[in-house]
Amino acid sequence: MTVQDPVCGRHIDLDEVYASEEHEGWEYFFCSAVCHRRFRLEPAAFASAPKPKNHHSTEKKAS
């Protein structure tokens, strides 16, 4: 399964994810420290886009 980094748009395999971050009940995946840092500085800028099923976030709420 692949996911999409919400910052750069890159598609990455789940086993190659650099980091993940939960924001407002959604889990986001990142390809690099740079993308993860950009998201953490301004999550609303990247989390406001629609969240297609199995795309750049998971439908499963983080626990």
PDB file of N, CA and C in Angstrom:
ATOM      1  N   MET A   1       0.846  -1.181   0.000  1.00  0.00           N
ATOM      2  CA  MET A   1       0.000   0.000   0.000  1.00  0.00           C
ATOM      3  C   MET A   1       0.891   1.245   0.000  1.00  0.00           C
ATOM      4  N   THR A   2       0.488   2.228  -0.749  1.00  0.00           N
ATOM      5  CA  THR A   2       1.221   3.493  -0.754  1.00  0.00           C
ATOM      6  C   THR A   2       0.355   4.594  -0.152  1.00  0.00           C
ATOM      7  N   VAL A   3       1.022   5.600   0.342  1.00  0.00           N
ATOM      8  CA  VAL A   3       0.371   6.791   0.882  1.00  0.00           C
ATOM      9  C   VAL A   3       1.022   7.997   0.221  1.00  0.00           C
ATOM     10  N   GLN A   4       0.370   9.138   0.343  1.00  0.00           N
ATOM     11  CA  GLN A   4       0.912  10.348  -0.271  1.00  0.00           C
ATOM     12  C   GLN A   4       1.299  11.343   0.810  1.00  0.00           C
ATOM     13  N   ASP A   5       2.507  11.838   0.709  1.00  0.00           N
ATOM     14  CA  ASP A   5       2.989  12.883   1.608  1.00  0.00           C
ATOM     15  C   ASP A   5       2.173  14.143   1.303  1.00  0.00           C
ATOM     16  N   PRO A   6       1.480  14.724   2.298  1.00  0.00           N
ATOM     17  CA  PRO A   6       0.635  15.892   2.037  1.00  0.00           C
ATOM     18  C   PRO A   6       1.417  17.166   1.729  1.00  0.00           C
ATOM     19  N   VAL A   7       2.701  17.188   2.019  1.00  0.00           N
ATOM     20  CA  VAL A   7       3.518  18.382   1.803  1.00  0.00           C
ATOM     21  C   VAL A   7       4.051  18.428   0.377  1.00  0.00           C
ATOM     22  N   CYS A   8       4.731  17.368  -0.048  1.00  0.00           N
ATOM     23  CA  CYS A   8       5.358  17.376  -1.376  1.00  0.00           C
ATOM     24  C   CYS A   8       4.552  16.609  -2.421  1.00  0.00           C
ATOM     25  N   GLY A   9       3.585  15.800  -1.973  1.00  0.00           N
ATOM     26  CA  GLY A   9       2.758  15.045  -2.909  1.00  0.00           C
ATOM     27  C   GLY A   9       3.350  13.720  -3.344  1.00  0.00           C
ATOM     28  N   ARG A  10       4.525  13.385  -2.857  1.00  0.00           N
ATOM     29  CA  ARG A  10       5.195  12.147  -3.253  1.00  0.00           C
ATOM     30  C   ARG A  10       4.444  10.929  -2.713  1.00  0.00           C
ATOM     31  N   HIS A  11       4.318   9.901  -3.546  1.00  0.00           N
ATOM     32  CA  HIS A  11       3.723   8.633  -3.125  1.00  0.00           C
ATOM     33  C   HIS A  11       4.832   7.757  -2.561  1.00  0.00           C
ATOM     34  N   ILE A  12       4.586   7.204  -1.378  1.00  0.00           N
ATOM     35  CA  ILE A  12       5.598   6.377  -0.716  1.00  0.00           C
ATOM     36  C   ILE A  12       4.964   5.096  -0.184  1.00  0.00           C
ATOM     37  N   ASP A  13       5.747   4.019  -0.203  1.00  0.00           N
ATOM     38  CA  ASP A  13       5.298   2.762   0.386  1.00  0.00           C
ATOM     39  C   ASP A  13       5.265   2.925   1.900  1.00  0.00           C
ATOM     40  N   LEU A  14       4.303   2.272   2.541  1.00  0.00           N
ATOM     41  CA  LEU A  14       4.199   2.380   3.994  1.00  0.00           C
ATOM     42  C   LEU A  14       5.481   1.963   4.709  1.00  0.00           C
ATOM     43  N   ASP A  15       6.200   0.998   4.161  1.00  0.00           N
ATOM     44  CA  ASP A  15       7.435   0.562   4.822  1.00  0.00           C
ATOM     45  C   ASP A  15       8.603   1.525   4.596  1.00  0.00           C
ATOM     46  N   GLU A  16       8.406   2.569   3.796  1.00  0.00           N
ATOM     47  CA  GLU A  16       9.446   3.568   3.542  1.00  0.00           C
ATOM     48  C   GLU A  16       9.102   4.939   4.133  1.00  0.00           C
ATOM     49  N   VAL A  17       8.051   5.003   4.936  1.00  0.00           N
ATOM     50  CA  VAL A  17       7.623   6.261   5.543  1.00  0.00           C
ATOM     51  C   VAL A  17       8.680   6.737   6.536  1.00  0.00           C
ATOM     52  N   TYR A  18       9.071   8.009   6.433  1.00  0.00           N
ATOM     53  CA  TYR A  18      10.055   8.582   7.353  1.00  0.00           C
ATOM     54  C   TYR A  18       9.419   8.829   8.724  1.00  0.00           C
ATOM     55  N   ALA A  19       8.210   9.424   8.720  1.00  0.00           N
ATOM     56  CA  ALA A  19       7.524   9.761   9.965  1.00  0.00           C
ATOM     57  C   ALA A  19       6.030   9.856   9.699  1.00  0.00           C
ATOM     58  N   SER A  20       5.257   9.811  10.769  1.00  0.00           N
ATOM     59  CA  SER A  20       3.818  10.042  10.660  1.00  0.00           C
ATOM     60  C   SER A  20       3.416  11.013  11.761  1.00  0.00           C
ATOM     61  N   GLU A  21       2.311  11.680  11.543  1.00  0.00           N
ATOM     62  CA  GLU A  21       1.848  12.700  12.484  1.00  0.00           C
ATOM     63  C   GLU A  21       0.325  12.661  12.518  1.00  0.00           C
ATOM     64  N   GLU A  22      -0.246  12.704  13.708  1.00  0.00           N
ATOM     65  CA  GLU A  22      -1.694  12.749  13.849  1.00  0.00           C
ATOM     66  C   GLU A  22      -2.112  14.211  13.978  1.00  0.00           C
ATOM     67  N   HIS A  23      -3.152  14.577  13.228  1.00  0.00           N
ATOM     68  CA  HIS A  23      -3.665  15.946  13.278  1.00  0.00           C
ATOM     69  C   HIS A  23      -5.173  15.882  13.126  1.00  0.00           C
ATOM     70  N   GLU A  24      -5.896  16.370  14.135  1.00  0.00           N
ATOM     71  CA  GLU A  24      -7.357  16.392  14.131  1.00  0.00           C
ATOM     72  C   GLU A  24      -7.951  15.022  13.799  1.00  0.00           C
ATOM     73  N   GLY A  25      -7.372  13.965  14.371  1.00  0.00           N
ATOM     74  CA  GLY A  25      -7.907  12.626  14.201  1.00  0.00           C
ATOM     75  C   GLY A  25      -7.478  11.899  12.944  1.00  0.00           C
ATOM     76  N   TRP A  26      -6.668  12.522  12.112  1.00  0.00           N
ATOM     77  CA  TRP A  26      -6.175  11.892  10.881  1.00  0.00           C
ATOM     78  C   TRP A  26      -4.683  11.650  11.014  1.00  0.00           C
ATOM     79  N   GLU A  27      -4.210  10.558  10.428  1.00  0.00           N
ATOM     80  CA  GLU A  27      -2.784  10.262  10.449  1.00  0.00           C
ATOM     81  C   GLU A  27      -2.186  10.596   9.090  1.00  0.00           C
ATOM     82  N   TYR A  28      -1.117  11.392   9.093  1.00  0.00           N
ATOM     83  CA  TYR A  28      -0.432  11.811   7.876  1.00  0.00           C
ATOM     84  C   TYR A  28       0.952  11.182   7.849  1.00  0.00           C
ATOM     85  N   PHE A  29       1.433  10.891   6.647  1.00  0.00           N
ATOM     86  CA  PHE A  29       2.708  10.211   6.460  1.00  0.00           C
ATOM     87  C   PHE A  29       3.656  11.099   5.658  1.00  0.00           C
ATOM     88  N   PHE A  30       4.958  11.018   5.984  1.00  0.00           N
ATOM     89  CA  PHE A  30       5.941  11.906   5.379  1.00  0.00           C
ATOM     90  C   PHE A  30       7.133  11.136   4.843  1.00  0.00           C
ATOM     91  N   CYS A  31       7.674  11.642   3.733  1.00  0.00           N
ATOM     92  CA  CYS A  31       8.802  10.983   3.071  1.00  0.00           C
ATOM     93  C   CYS A  31      10.144  11.424   3.635  1.00  0.00           C
ATOM     94  N   SER A  32      10.176  12.556   4.338  1.00  0.00           N
ATOM     95  CA  SER A  32      11.458  13.090   4.809  1.00  0.00           C
ATOM     96  C   SER A  32      11.272  13.976   6.037  1.00  0.00           C
ATOM     97  N   ALA A  33      12.392  14.286   6.675  1.00  0.00           N
ATOM     98  CA  ALA A  33      12.381  15.194   7.820  1.00  0.00           C
ATOM     99  C   ALA A  33      11.923  16.587   7.399  1.00  0.00           C
ATOM    100  N   VAL A  34      12.286  17.003   6.200  1.00  0.00           N
ATOM    101  CA  VAL A  34      11.908  18.333   5.704  1.00  0.00           C
ATOM    102  C   VAL A  34      10.387  18.448   5.602  1.00  0.00           C
ATOM    103  N   CYS A  35       9.743  17.463   4.984  1.00  0.00           N
ATOM    104  CA  CYS A  35       8.282  17.501   4.841  1.00  0.00           C
ATOM    105  C   CYS A  35       7.596  17.412   6.203  1.00  0.00           C
ATOM    106  N   HIS A  36       8.103  16.550   7.063  1.00  0.00           N
ATOM    107  CA  HIS A  36       7.517  16.410   8.395  1.00  0.00           C
ATOM    108  C   HIS A  36       7.625  17.721   9.163  1.00  0.00           C
ATOM    109  N   ARG A  37       8.769  18.378   9.116  1.00  0.00           N
ATOM    110  CA  ARG A  37       8.970  19.654   9.807  1.00  0.00           C
ATOM    111  C   ARG A  37       8.045  20.738   9.247  1.00  0.00           C
ATOM    112  N   ARG A  38       7.914  20.809   7.925  1.00  0.00           N
ATOM    113  CA  ARG A  38       7.025  21.815   7.315  1.00  0.00           C
ATOM    114  C   ARG A  38       5.587  21.609   7.775  1.00  0.00           C
ATOM    115  N   PHE A  39       5.142  20.354   7.831  1.00  0.00           N
ATOM    116  CA  PHE A  39       3.785  20.058   8.288  1.00  0.00           C
ATOM    117  C   PHE A  39       3.608  20.474   9.749  1.00  0.00           C
ATOM    118  N   ARG A  40       4.572  20.152  10.592  1.00  0.00           N
ATOM    119  CA  ARG A  40       4.463  20.472  12.017  1.00  0.00           C
ATOM    120  C   ARG A  40       4.431  21.975  12.260  1.00  0.00           C
ATOM    121  N   LEU A  41       5.088  22.758  11.415  1.00  0.00           N
ATOM    122  CA  LEU A  41       5.087  24.211  11.564  1.00  0.00           C
ATOM    123  C   LEU A  41       3.760  24.833  11.153  1.00  0.00           C
ATOM    124  N   GLU A  42       3.079  24.224  10.184  1.00  0.00           N
ATOM    125  CA  GLU A  42       1.835  24.799   9.665  1.00  0.00           C
ATOM    126  C   GLU A  42       0.885  23.692   9.180  1.00  0.00           C
ATOM    127  N   PRO A  43       0.379  22.850  10.091  1.00  0.00           N
ATOM    128  CA  PRO A  43      -0.429  21.705   9.669  1.00  0.00           C
ATOM    129  C   PRO A  43      -1.696  22.083   8.905  1.00  0.00           C
ATOM    130  N   ALA A  44      -2.329  23.178   9.255  1.00  0.00           N
ATOM    131  CA  ALA A  44      -3.571  23.556   8.576  1.00  0.00           C
ATOM    132  C   ALA A  44      -3.363  23.825   7.090  1.00  0.00           C
ATOM    133  N   ALA A  45      -2.180  24.259   6.711  1.00  0.00           N
ATOM    134  CA  ALA A  45      -1.899  24.541   5.300  1.00  0.00           C
ATOM    135  C   ALA A  45      -1.893  23.266   4.468  1.00  0.00           C
ATOM    136  N   PHE A  46      -1.561  22.142   5.082  1.00  0.00           N
ATOM    137  CA  PHE A  46      -1.459  20.883   4.351  1.00  0.00           C
ATOM    138  C   PHE A  46      -2.599  19.929   4.666  1.00  0.00           C
ATOM    139  N   ALA A  47      -3.264  20.098   5.797  1.00  0.00           N
ATOM    140  CA  ALA A  47      -4.331  19.189   6.209  1.00  0.00           C
ATOM    141  C   ALA A  47      -5.701  19.635   5.737  1.00  0.00           C
ATOM    142  N   SER A  48      -5.807  20.815   5.147  1.00  0.00           N
ATOM    143  CA  SER A  48      -7.117  21.333   4.764  1.00  0.00           C
ATOM    144  C   SER A  48      -7.650  20.745   3.468  1.00  0.00           C
ATOM    145  N   ALA A  49      -6.794  20.092   2.691  1.00  0.00           N
ATOM    146  CA  ALA A  49      -7.238  19.493   1.429  1.00  0.00           C
ATOM    147  C   ALA A  49      -8.131  18.293   1.716  1.00  0.00           C
ATOM    148  N   PRO A  50      -9.034  17.950   0.779  1.00  0.00           N
ATOM    149  CA  PRO A  50      -9.863  16.755   0.963  1.00  0.00           C
ATOM    150  C   PRO A  50      -8.985  15.525   1.163  1.00  0.00           C
ATOM    151  N   LYS A  51      -9.473  14.573   1.930  1.00  0.00           N
ATOM    152  CA  LYS A  51      -8.706  13.383   2.265  1.00  0.00           C
ATOM    153  C   LYS A  51      -9.278  12.160   1.556  1.00  0.00           C
ATOM    154  N   PRO A  52      -8.832  11.876   0.333  1.00  0.00           N
ATOM    155  CA  PRO A  52      -9.347  10.708  -0.372  1.00  0.00           C
ATOM    156  C   PRO A  52      -8.979   9.417   0.355  1.00  0.00           C
ATOM    157  N   LYS A  53      -9.825   8.427   0.243  1.00  0.00           N
ATOM    158  CA  LYS A  53      -9.593   7.139   0.891  1.00  0.00           C
ATOM    159  C   LYS A  53      -8.244   6.567   0.475  1.00  0.00           C
ATOM    160  N   ASN A  54      -7.458   6.135   1.473  1.00  0.00           N
ATOM    161  CA  ASN A  54      -6.152   5.504   1.251  1.00  0.00           C
ATOM    162  C   ASN A  54      -5.220   6.350   0.396  1.00  0.00           C
ATOM    163  N   HIS A  55      -5.237   7.642   0.585  1.00  0.00           N
ATOM    164  CA  HIS A  55      -4.392   8.504  -0.237  1.00  0.00           C
ATOM    165  C   HIS A  55      -3.301   9.106   0.625  1.00  0.00           C
ATOM    166  N   HIS A  56      -3.483  10.304   1.185  1.00  0.00           N
ATOM    167  CA  HIS A  56      -2.405  10.892   1.978  1.00  0.00           C
ATOM    168  C   HIS A  56      -2.657  10.821   3.480  1.00  0.00           C
ATOM    169  N   SER A  57      -3.759  10.233   3.862  1.00  0.00           N
ATOM    170  CA  SER A  57      -4.031  10.043   5.277  1.00  0.00           C
ATOM    171  C   SER A  57      -4.833   8.766   5.434  1.00  0.00           C
ATOM    172  N   THR A  58      -4.967   8.313   6.655  1.00  0.00           N
ATOM    173  CA  THR A  58      -5.755   7.111   6.876  1.00  0.00           C
ATOM    174  C   THR A  58      -7.114   7.478   7.424  1.00  0.00           C
ATOM    175  N   GLU A  59      -8.100   6.649   7.110  1.00  0.00           N
ATOM    176  CA  GLU A  59      -9.425   6.870   7.660  1.00  0.00           C
ATOM    177  C   GLU A  59      -9.498   6.412   9.107  1.00  0.00           C
ATOM    178  N   LYS A  60      -8.579   5.574   9.508  1.00  0.00           N
ATOM    179  CA  LYS A  60      -8.543   5.070  10.873  1.00  0.00           C
ATOM    180  C   LYS A  60      -8.075   6.174  11.799  1.00  0.00           C
ATOM    181  N   LYS A  61      -8.860   6.452  12.806  1.00  0.00           N
ATOM    182  CA  LYS A  61      -8.469   7.463  13.778  1.00  0.00           C
ATOM    183  C   LYS A  61      -7.271   6.965  14.570  1.00  0.00           C
ATOM    184  N   ALA A  62      -6.339   7.838  14.812  1.00  0.00           N
ATOM    185  CA  ALA A  62      -5.160   7.476  15.596  1.00  0.00           C
ATOM    186  C   ALA A  62      -5.576   7.259  17.043  1.00  0.00           C
ATOM    187  N   SER A  63      -4.977   6.285  17.688  1.00  0.00           N
ATOM    188  CA  SER A  63      -5.337   6.016  19.085  1.00  0.00           C
ATOM    189  C   SER A  63      -4.234   6.404  20.034  1.00  0.00           C
TER     190      SER A  63
END
